[in-house]
């Protein structure tokens, strides 16, 4: 009997292969580099996050954006981290105001 093949966990798959839960994804250029931006609908969120733009909580079930650099920072790369480890949850308006 051959072993059953299993799909890798979502944490081991590249971000592009992960399903989007109630949102869309795009790439944006800002003055500090290129960013991946995933818009998340409120129904897809079940916990609260702290927005780095205003330092306020984003309550569960609130639409927002998840942002991470297209390339990891030098410190993250040296530590073996991926850019996904640098993702942050922002209020949509706070991310829009950021230059």
C-alpha atoms as a PDB file:
ATOM      1  CA  UNK A   1       0.000   0.000   0.000  1.00  0.00           C
ATOM      2  CA  UNK A   2       1.436   3.385  -0.966  1.00  0.00           C
ATOM      3  CA  UNK A   3       1.477   6.283   1.472  1.00  0.00           C
ATOM      4  CA  UNK A   4      -1.237   8.827   0.988  1.00  0.00           C
ATOM      5  CA  UNK A   5       0.025  12.142  -0.341  1.00  0.00           C
ATOM      6  CA  UNK A   6      -0.944  15.181   1.651  1.00  0.00           C
ATOM      7  CA  UNK A   7      -1.138  18.796   0.671  1.00  0.00           C
ATOM      8  CA  UNK A   8       1.435  20.935   2.480  1.00  0.00           C
ATOM      9  CA  UNK A   9      -0.005  23.069   5.237  1.00  0.00           C
ATOM     10  CA  UNK A  10      -1.059  26.589   4.323  1.00  0.00           C
ATOM     11  CA  UNK A  11       1.937  27.912   6.248  1.00  0.00           C
ATOM     12  CA  UNK A  12       4.323  26.008   3.988  1.00  0.00           C
ATOM     13  CA  UNK A  13       2.682  27.027   0.703  1.00  0.00           C
ATOM     14  CA  UNK A  14       3.640  30.264  -1.045  1.00  0.00           C
ATOM     15  CA  UNK A  15       1.253  33.128  -0.458  1.00  0.00           C
ATOM     16  CA  UNK A  16       0.158  33.064  -4.102  1.00  0.00           C
ATOM     17  CA  UNK A  17      -1.124  29.484  -3.598  1.00  0.00           C
ATOM     18  CA  UNK A  18      -3.171  30.254  -0.513  1.00  0.00           C
ATOM     19  CA  UNK A  19      -6.878  30.811  -0.917  1.00  0.00           C
ATOM     20  CA  UNK A  20      -8.140  34.342  -0.498  1.00  0.00           C
ATOM     21  CA  UNK A  21     -10.783  34.428   2.162  1.00  0.00           C
ATOM     22  CA  UNK A  22     -13.228  37.137   1.243  1.00  0.00           C
ATOM     23  CA  UNK A  23     -10.747  39.517  -0.334  1.00  0.00           C
ATOM     24  CA  UNK A  24      -8.441  40.407  -3.193  1.00  0.00           C
ATOM     25  CA  UNK A  25      -4.703  40.888  -3.527  1.00  0.00           C
ATOM     26  CA  UNK A  26      -2.598  43.427  -5.408  1.00  0.00           C
ATOM     27  CA  UNK A  27       0.928  44.829  -5.477  1.00  0.00           C
ATOM     28  CA  UNK A  28       1.570  48.505  -4.713  1.00  0.00           C
ATOM     29  CA  UNK A  29       4.674  50.633  -5.138  1.00  0.00           C
ATOM     30  CA  UNK A  30       5.387  53.098  -2.352  1.00  0.00           C
ATOM     31  CA  UNK A  31       8.364  55.326  -1.634  1.00  0.00           C
ATOM     32  CA  UNK A  32       9.865  52.626   0.595  1.00  0.00           C
ATOM     33  CA  UNK A  33       9.470  49.726  -1.842  1.00  0.00           C
ATOM     34  CA  UNK A  34       7.003  47.316  -3.339  1.00  0.00           C
ATOM     35  CA  UNK A  35       4.258  45.892  -1.116  1.00  0.00           C
ATOM     36  CA  UNK A  36       1.771  43.056  -1.402  1.00  0.00           C
ATOM     37  CA  UNK A  37      -1.643  44.257  -0.261  1.00  0.00           C
ATOM     38  CA  UNK A  38      -4.479  41.873   0.521  1.00  0.00           C
ATOM     39  CA  UNK A  39      -7.896  43.394   1.114  1.00  0.00           C
ATOM     40  CA  UNK A  40      -9.774  41.347   3.691  1.00  0.00           C
ATOM     41  CA  UNK A  41     -13.527  41.443   4.115  1.00  0.00           C
ATOM     42  CA  UNK A  42     -14.935  41.645   7.603  1.00  0.00           C
ATOM     43  CA  UNK A  43     -16.496  38.194   7.394  1.00  0.00           C
ATOM     44  CA  UNK A  44     -13.056  36.649   6.868  1.00  0.00           C
ATOM     45  CA  UNK A  45     -11.568  37.952  10.122  1.00  0.00           C
ATOM     46  CA  UNK A  46     -12.107  36.390  13.501  1.00  0.00           C
ATOM     47  CA  UNK A  47      -9.622  38.156  15.755  1.00  0.00           C
ATOM     48  CA  UNK A  48      -8.417  41.655  16.480  1.00  0.00           C
ATOM     49  CA  UNK A  49      -5.178  43.210  15.234  1.00  0.00           C
ATOM     50  CA  UNK A  50      -3.277  46.388  16.058  1.00  0.00           C
ATOM     51  CA  UNK A  51      -2.893  48.830  13.157  1.00  0.00           C
ATOM     52  CA  UNK A  52       0.692  50.161  12.885  1.00  0.00           C
ATOM     53  CA  UNK A  53      -0.606  53.378  11.287  1.00  0.00           C
ATOM     54  CA  UNK A  54      -2.735  54.626  14.192  1.00  0.00           C
ATOM     55  CA  UNK A  55      -1.842  52.109  16.938  1.00  0.00           C
ATOM     56  CA  UNK A  56      -5.567  51.344  17.437  1.00  0.00           C
ATOM     57  CA  UNK A  57      -7.203  47.922  17.466  1.00  0.00           C
ATOM     58  CA  UNK A  58      -8.908  46.572  14.365  1.00  0.00           C
ATOM     59  CA  UNK A  59     -11.842  44.668  15.879  1.00  0.00           C
ATOM     60  CA  UNK A  60     -12.906  41.248  14.582  1.00  0.00           C
ATOM     61  CA  UNK A  61     -15.241  41.299  11.552  1.00  0.00           C
ATOM     62  CA  UNK A  62     -13.843  44.660  10.369  1.00  0.00           C
ATOM     63  CA  UNK A  63     -12.690  44.990   6.737  1.00  0.00           C
ATOM     64  CA  UNK A  64      -9.006  45.962   6.533  1.00  0.00           C
ATOM     65  CA  UNK A  65      -5.805  45.305   4.544  1.00  0.00           C
ATOM     66  CA  UNK A  66      -2.924  42.947   5.243  1.00  0.00           C
ATOM     67  CA  UNK A  67       0.374  44.306   3.929  1.00  0.00           C
ATOM     68  CA  UNK A  68       3.823  42.743   3.608  1.00  0.00           C
ATOM     69  CA  UNK A  69       6.938  43.707   1.655  1.00  0.00           C
ATOM     70  CA  UNK A  70       7.564  42.026  -1.670  1.00  0.00           C
ATOM     71  CA  UNK A  71      11.156  41.429  -0.520  1.00  0.00           C
ATOM     72  CA  UNK A  72      12.054  40.718   3.096  1.00  0.00           C
ATOM     73  CA  UNK A  73      14.102  43.253   5.008  1.00  0.00           C
ATOM     74  CA  UNK A  74      17.819  42.609   5.354  1.00  0.00           C
ATOM     75  CA  UNK A  75      17.504  41.659   9.036  1.00  0.00           C
ATOM     76  CA  UNK A  76      14.654  39.277   8.309  1.00  0.00           C
ATOM     77  CA  UNK A  77      16.552  37.718   5.406  1.00  0.00           C
ATOM     78  CA  UNK A  78      19.655  37.211   7.559  1.00  0.00           C
ATOM     79  CA  UNK A  79      17.525  35.557  10.213  1.00  0.00           C
ATOM     80  CA  UNK A  80      16.028  33.186   7.646  1.00  0.00           C
ATOM     81  CA  UNK A  81      12.597  34.822   7.773  1.00  0.00           C
ATOM     82  CA  UNK A  82      10.371  35.389   4.772  1.00  0.00           C
ATOM     83  CA  UNK A  83       8.619  38.617   3.903  1.00  0.00           C
ATOM     84  CA  UNK A  84       5.402  36.971   5.084  1.00  0.00           C
ATOM     85  CA  UNK A  85       6.776  37.160   8.635  1.00  0.00           C
ATOM     86  CA  UNK A  86       6.707  40.942   8.218  1.00  0.00           C
ATOM     87  CA  UNK A  87       3.014  41.209   7.339  1.00  0.00           C
ATOM     88  CA  UNK A  88       0.932  43.760   9.194  1.00  0.00           C
ATOM     89  CA  UNK A  89      -2.787  44.413   9.424  1.00  0.00           C
ATOM     90  CA  UNK A  90      -3.759  48.030   8.651  1.00  0.00           C
ATOM     91  CA  UNK A  91      -7.009  49.953   8.647  1.00  0.00           C
ATOM     92  CA  UNK A  92      -7.769  50.596   4.983  1.00  0.00           C
ATOM     93  CA  UNK A  93      -7.761  54.369   5.552  1.00  0.00           C
ATOM     94  CA  UNK A  94      -4.463  54.286   7.474  1.00  0.00           C
ATOM     95  CA  UNK A  95      -2.777  52.354   4.670  1.00  0.00           C
ATOM     96  CA  UNK A  96      -4.230  54.783   2.114  1.00  0.00           C
ATOM     97  CA  UNK A  97      -2.755  57.783   3.988  1.00  0.00           C
ATOM     98  CA  UNK A  98       0.681  56.180   4.201  1.00  0.00           C
ATOM     99  CA  UNK A  99       3.140  57.431   1.587  1.00  0.00           C
END
